[in-house]
C-alpha atoms as a PDB file:
ATOM      1  CA  UNK A   1     190.328  46.593 -49.528  1.00  0.00           C
ATOM      2  CA  UNK A   2     188.558  43.273 -48.948  1.00  0.00           C
ATOM      3  CA  UNK A   3     184.793  43.412 -48.421  1.00  0.00           C
ATOM      4  CA  UNK A   4     183.013  41.213 -45.933  1.00  0.00           C
ATOM      5  CA  UNK A   5     180.182  39.056 -47.246  1.00  0.00           C
ATOM      6  CA  UNK A   6     178.432  38.995 -43.859  1.00  0.00           C
ATOM      7  CA  UNK A   7     175.533  41.104 -45.120  1.00  0.00           C
ATOM      8  CA  UNK A   8     174.854  38.708 -48.003  1.00  0.00           C
ATOM      9  CA  UNK A   9     174.990  35.705 -45.699  1.00  0.00           C
ATOM     10  CA  UNK A  10     172.690  37.371 -43.161  1.00  0.00           C
ATOM     11  CA  UNK A  11     170.199  38.410 -45.848  1.00  0.00           C
ATOM     12  CA  UNK A  12     170.211  34.879 -47.278  1.00  0.00           C
ATOM     13  CA  UNK A  13     169.651  33.345 -43.835  1.00  0.00           C
ATOM     14  CA  UNK A  14     166.792  35.767 -43.143  1.00  0.00           C
ATOM     15  CA  UNK A  15     165.161  35.003 -46.489  1.00  0.00           C
ATOM     16  CA  UNK A  16     165.460  31.251 -45.877  1.00  0.00           C
ATOM     17  CA  UNK A  17     163.970  31.624 -42.378  1.00  0.00           C
ATOM     18  CA  UNK A  18     161.054  33.699 -43.643  1.00  0.00           C
ATOM     19  CA  UNK A  19     160.405  31.223 -46.465  1.00  0.00           C
ATOM     20  CA  UNK A  20     160.368  28.307 -44.006  1.00  0.00           C
ATOM     21  CA  UNK A  21     157.942  30.111 -41.682  1.00  0.00           C
ATOM     22  CA  UNK A  22     155.726  31.082 -44.633  1.00  0.00           C
ATOM     23  CA  UNK A  23     155.719  27.513 -46.012  1.00  0.00           C
ATOM     24  CA  UNK A  24     155.026  25.957 -42.618  1.00  0.00           C
ATOM     25  CA  UNK A  25     152.042  28.226 -42.071  1.00  0.00           C
ATOM     26  CA  UNK A  26     150.411  27.592 -45.462  1.00  0.00           C
ATOM     27  CA  UNK A  27     147.791  24.912 -46.119  1.00  0.00           C
ATOM     28  CA  UNK A  28     148.657  22.057 -48.466  1.00  0.00           C
ATOM     29  CA  UNK A  29     147.956  22.354 -52.182  1.00  0.00           C
ATOM     30  CA  UNK A  30     146.162  19.843 -54.416  1.00  0.00           C
ATOM     31  CA  UNK A  31     148.152  17.684 -56.832  1.00  0.00           C
ATOM     32  CA  UNK A  32     147.227  14.938 -59.281  1.00  0.00           C
ATOM     33  CA  UNK A  33     148.688  11.446 -59.495  1.00  0.00           C
ATOM     34  CA  UNK A  34     147.341   8.553 -61.559  1.00  0.00           C
ATOM     35  CA  UNK A  35     144.030  10.341 -62.153  1.00  0.00           C
ATOM     36  CA  UNK A  36     143.330  11.113 -58.478  1.00  0.00           C
ATOM     37  CA  UNK A  37     143.936  14.206 -56.374  1.00  0.00           C
ATOM     38  CA  UNK A  38     145.695  14.497 -53.046  1.00  0.00           C
ATOM     39  CA  UNK A  39     147.534  17.281 -51.234  1.00  0.00           C
ATOM     40  CA  UNK A  40     151.180  18.258 -50.768  1.00  0.00           C
ATOM     41  CA  UNK A  41     152.713  20.712 -48.372  1.00  0.00           C
ATOM     42  CA  UNK A  42     154.779  23.640 -49.654  1.00  0.00           C
ATOM     43  CA  UNK A  43     157.875  21.446 -49.632  1.00  0.00           C
ATOM     44  CA  UNK A  44     156.073  19.109 -52.074  1.00  0.00           C
ATOM     45  CA  UNK A  45     155.738  16.354 -49.470  1.00  0.00           C
ATOM     46  CA  UNK A  46     152.508  14.373 -49.796  1.00  0.00           C
ATOM     47  CA  UNK A  47     150.336  14.967 -46.725  1.00  0.00           C
ATOM     48  CA  UNK A  48     146.989  13.623 -48.004  1.00  0.00           C
ATOM     49  CA  UNK A  49     147.095  10.633 -50.344  1.00  0.00           C
ATOM     50  CA  UNK A  50     145.520  10.981 -53.807  1.00  0.00           C
ATOM     51  CA  UNK A  51     142.020   9.528 -53.493  1.00  0.00           C
ATOM     52  CA  UNK A  52     139.692  12.256 -54.746  1.00  0.00           C
ATOM     53  CA  UNK A  53     138.424  12.724 -58.293  1.00  0.00           C
ATOM     54  CA  UNK A  54     138.580  16.521 -57.963  1.00  0.00           C
ATOM     55  CA  UNK A  55     140.129  18.842 -55.369  1.00  0.00           C
ATOM     56  CA  UNK A  56     140.136  22.559 -54.579  1.00  0.00           C
ATOM     57  CA  UNK A  57     142.493  24.579 -52.394  1.00  0.00           C
ATOM     58  CA  UNK A  58     141.989  24.884 -48.637  1.00  0.00           C
ATOM     59  CA  UNK A  59     140.295  27.889 -47.083  1.00  0.00           C
ATOM     60  CA  UNK A  60     139.606  28.268 -43.371  1.00  0.00           C
ATOM     61  CA  UNK A  61     140.851  24.712 -42.771  1.00  0.00           C
ATOM     62  CA  UNK A  62     138.511  23.050 -45.292  1.00  0.00           C
ATOM     63  CA  UNK A  63     138.887  22.006 -48.926  1.00  0.00           C
ATOM     64  CA  UNK A  64     136.073  21.076 -51.297  1.00  0.00           C
ATOM     65  CA  UNK A  65     136.696  17.676 -52.889  1.00  0.00           C
ATOM     66  CA  UNK A  66     134.730  15.868 -55.568  1.00  0.00           C
ATOM     67  CA  UNK A  67     134.056  12.146 -55.761  1.00  0.00           C
ATOM     68  CA  UNK A  68     132.680  10.308 -58.760  1.00  0.00           C
ATOM     69  CA  UNK A  69     133.090  10.851 -62.470  1.00  0.00           C
ATOM     70  CA  UNK A  70     131.730  13.980 -64.108  1.00  0.00           C
ATOM     71  CA  UNK A  71     128.825  14.762 -64.595  1.00  0.00           C
ATOM     72  CA  UNK A  72     127.783  12.708 -61.550  1.00  0.00           C
ATOM     73  CA  UNK A  73     130.417  14.190 -59.242  1.00  0.00           C
ATOM     74  CA  UNK A  74     129.314  14.969 -55.687  1.00  0.00           C
ATOM     75  CA  UNK A  75     131.232  17.472 -53.599  1.00  0.00           C
ATOM     76  CA  UNK A  76     132.004  17.522 -49.892  1.00  0.00           C
ATOM     77  CA  UNK A  77     134.715  18.946 -47.643  1.00  0.00           C
ATOM     78  CA  UNK A  78     137.828  17.568 -45.958  1.00  0.00           C
ATOM     79  CA  UNK A  79     139.863  18.999 -43.096  1.00  0.00           C
ATOM     80  CA  UNK A  80     143.629  19.465 -43.053  1.00  0.00           C
ATOM     81  CA  UNK A  81     144.159  15.805 -42.095  1.00  0.00           C
ATOM     82  CA  UNK A  82     142.190  14.561 -45.117  1.00  0.00           C
ATOM     83  CA  UNK A  83     139.187  13.462 -43.049  1.00  0.00           C
ATOM     84  CA  UNK A  84     135.841  13.931 -44.814  1.00  0.00           C
ATOM     85  CA  UNK A  85     134.030  16.342 -42.474  1.00  0.00           C
ATOM     86  CA  UNK A  86     131.089  17.233 -44.729  1.00  0.00           C
ATOM     87  CA  UNK A  87     129.914  14.274 -46.790  1.00  0.00           C
ATOM     88  CA  UNK A  88     129.875  14.602 -50.599  1.00  0.00           C
ATOM     89  CA  UNK A  89     126.276  15.467 -51.462  1.00  0.00           C
ATOM     90  CA  UNK A  90     126.499  18.768 -53.317  1.00  0.00           C
ATOM     91  CA  UNK A  91     126.566  19.254 -57.100  1.00  0.00           C
ATOM     92  CA  UNK A  92     129.141  22.039 -56.651  1.00  0.00           C
ATOM     93  CA  UNK A  93     131.001  23.350 -53.588  1.00  0.00           C
ATOM     94  CA  UNK A  94     133.015  26.522 -53.131  1.00  0.00           C
ATOM     95  CA  UNK A  95     135.589  27.891 -50.674  1.00  0.00           C
ATOM     96  CA  UNK A  96     134.688  28.885 -47.136  1.00  0.00           C
ATOM     97  CA  UNK A  97     134.694  32.583 -46.293  1.00  0.00           C
ATOM     98  CA  UNK A  98     133.740  33.877 -42.842  1.00  0.00           C
ATOM     99  CA  UNK A  99     132.759  30.315 -41.871  1.00  0.00           C
ATOM    100  CA  UNK A 100     130.282  29.974 -44.747  1.00  0.00           C
ATOM    101  CA  UNK A 101     130.502  28.340 -48.183  1.00  0.00           C
ATOM    102  CA  UNK A 102     128.258  28.468 -51.233  1.00  0.00           C
ATOM    103  CA  UNK A 103     127.020  25.121 -52.560  1.00  0.00           C
ATOM    104  CA  UNK A 104     124.892  24.239 -55.580  1.00  0.00           C
ATOM    105  CA  UNK A 105     122.131  21.641 -55.719  1.00  0.00           C
ATOM    106  CA  UNK A 106     119.691  20.536 -58.396  1.00  0.00           C
ATOM    107  CA  UNK A 107     122.043  20.391 -61.381  1.00  0.00           C
ATOM    108  CA  UNK A 108     120.684  18.311 -64.273  1.00  0.00           C
ATOM    109  CA  UNK A 109     121.375  18.143 -67.998  1.00  0.00           C
ATOM    110  CA  UNK A 110     118.804  20.907 -68.490  1.00  0.00           C
ATOM    111  CA  UNK A 111     119.110  22.927 -65.269  1.00  0.00           C
ATOM    112  CA  UNK A 112     121.969  24.768 -63.560  1.00  0.00           C
ATOM    113  CA  UNK A 113     120.495  24.210 -60.103  1.00  0.00           C
ATOM    114  CA  UNK A 114     120.455  26.768 -57.310  1.00  0.00           C
ATOM    115  CA  UNK A 115     123.043  28.053 -54.851  1.00  0.00           C
ATOM    116  CA  UNK A 116     122.702  28.291 -51.095  1.00  0.00           C
ATOM    117  CA  UNK A 117     125.117  28.593 -48.184  1.00  0.00           C
ATOM    118  CA  UNK A 118     126.270  26.094 -45.542  1.00  0.00           C
ATOM    119  CA  UNK A 119     128.192  26.426 -42.294  1.00  0.00           C
ATOM    120  CA  UNK A 120     131.220  24.329 -41.312  1.00  0.00           C
ATOM    121  CA  UNK A 121     128.992  21.488 -40.091  1.00  0.00           C
ATOM    122  CA  UNK A 122     127.342  21.207 -43.524  1.00  0.00           C
ATOM    123  CA  UNK A 123     124.055  22.660 -42.276  1.00  0.00           C
ATOM    124  CA  UNK A 124     122.265  25.068 -44.578  1.00  0.00           C
ATOM    125  CA  UNK A 125     122.145  28.606 -43.278  1.00  0.00           C
ATOM    126  CA  UNK A 126     120.543  29.742 -46.542  1.00  0.00           C
ATOM    127  CA  UNK A 127     118.642  27.170 -48.601  1.00  0.00           C
ATOM    128  CA  UNK A 128     119.522  27.000 -52.318  1.00  0.00           C
ATOM    129  CA  UNK A 129     117.581  29.683 -54.182  1.00  0.00           C
ATOM    130  CA  UNK A 130     120.166  31.826 -55.962  1.00  0.00           C
ATOM    131  CA  UNK A 131     121.472  31.663 -59.529  1.00  0.00           C
ATOM    132  CA  UNK A 132     124.744  33.277 -58.455  1.00  0.00           C
ATOM    133  CA  UNK A 133     126.300  33.506 -54.991  1.00  0.00           C
ATOM    134  CA  UNK A 134     129.608  35.154 -54.138  1.00  0.00           C
ATOM    135  CA  UNK A 135     131.758  34.580 -51.028  1.00  0.00           C
ATOM    136  CA  UNK A 136     131.012  36.506 -47.849  1.00  0.00           C
ATOM    137  CA  UNK A 137     133.078  39.576 -47.074  1.00  0.00           C
ATOM    138  CA  UNK A 138     132.505  41.770 -44.027  1.00  0.00           C
ATOM    139  CA  UNK A 139     129.329  39.831 -43.208  1.00  0.00           C
ATOM    140  CA  UNK A 140     127.714  40.291 -46.621  1.00  0.00           C
ATOM    141  CA  UNK A 141     127.530  38.301 -49.854  1.00  0.00           C
ATOM    142  CA  UNK A 142     126.385  39.416 -53.291  1.00  0.00           C
ATOM    143  CA  UNK A 143     123.699  37.131 -54.728  1.00  0.00           C
ATOM    144  CA  UNK A 144     121.604  37.026 -57.876  1.00  0.00           C
ATOM    145  CA  UNK A 145     118.254  35.651 -58.897  1.00  0.00           C
ATOM    146  CA  UNK A 146     118.068  35.972 -62.678  1.00  0.00           C
ATOM    147  CA  UNK A 147     114.556  37.442 -62.881  1.00  0.00           C
ATOM    148  CA  UNK A 148     114.992  39.668 -59.810  1.00  0.00           C
ATOM    149  CA  UNK A 149     118.566  40.950 -60.105  1.00  0.00           C
ATOM    150  CA  UNK A 150     121.508  41.387 -57.736  1.00  0.00           C
ATOM    151  CA  UNK A 151     121.447  42.159 -54.044  1.00  0.00           C
ATOM    152  CA  UNK A 152     123.239  41.431 -50.776  1.00  0.00           C
ATOM    153  CA  UNK A 153     122.446  39.089 -47.897  1.00  0.00           C
ATOM    154  CA  UNK A 154     123.925  38.802 -44.414  1.00  0.00           C
ATOM    155  CA  UNK A 155     125.234  35.623 -42.759  1.00  0.00           C
ATOM    156  CA  UNK A 156     121.696  34.767 -41.590  1.00  0.00           C
ATOM    157  CA  UNK A 157     120.414  34.879 -45.166  1.00  0.00           C
ATOM    158  CA  UNK A 158     118.502  38.104 -44.615  1.00  0.00           C
ATOM    159  CA  UNK A 159     118.400  40.559 -47.505  1.00  0.00           C
ATOM    160  CA  UNK A 160     120.345  43.667 -46.490  1.00  0.00           C
ATOM    161  CA  UNK A 161     120.299  45.313 -49.910  1.00  0.00           C
ATOM    162  CA  UNK A 162     117.308  44.551 -52.084  1.00  0.00           C
ATOM    163  CA  UNK A 163     117.639  42.595 -55.308  1.00  0.00           C
ATOM    164  CA  UNK A 164     117.636  44.940 -58.310  1.00  0.00           C
ATOM    165  CA  UNK A 165     117.765  44.301 -62.017  1.00  0.00           C
END
């Protein structure tokens, strides 16, 4: 008895379709070429030319990119077209979560600087004052001030769970 291979062909077509939908809906990923970083889509097609000294993955439509040689690198954010939407002025910049990203300022050879939070326009919603700052989840972020301990703040920067050692 000869078996039909229709199931295998249908499963393969479904898998290919799902992969194409998944890849089309994913943000580009950073890649390096000749010492600079750009971005490629999931099919490995260059979508943002390599022009950054450092590059992080996209989150919420923004990616933190660094310009300038380390240790003088300044970080800003680009959108999915590669346009610089928040100018590079931060010593460190992290991924957006719930429309907010942690950034660090005040880094020197002898100091780690402090972390605060910005919105998607680059405006501080919480001025830098933390030694550690985690991404927001469900409207709260865990923060730390070394001499005061850990606690949680809301998206307005208000303490919702007191800092404790």
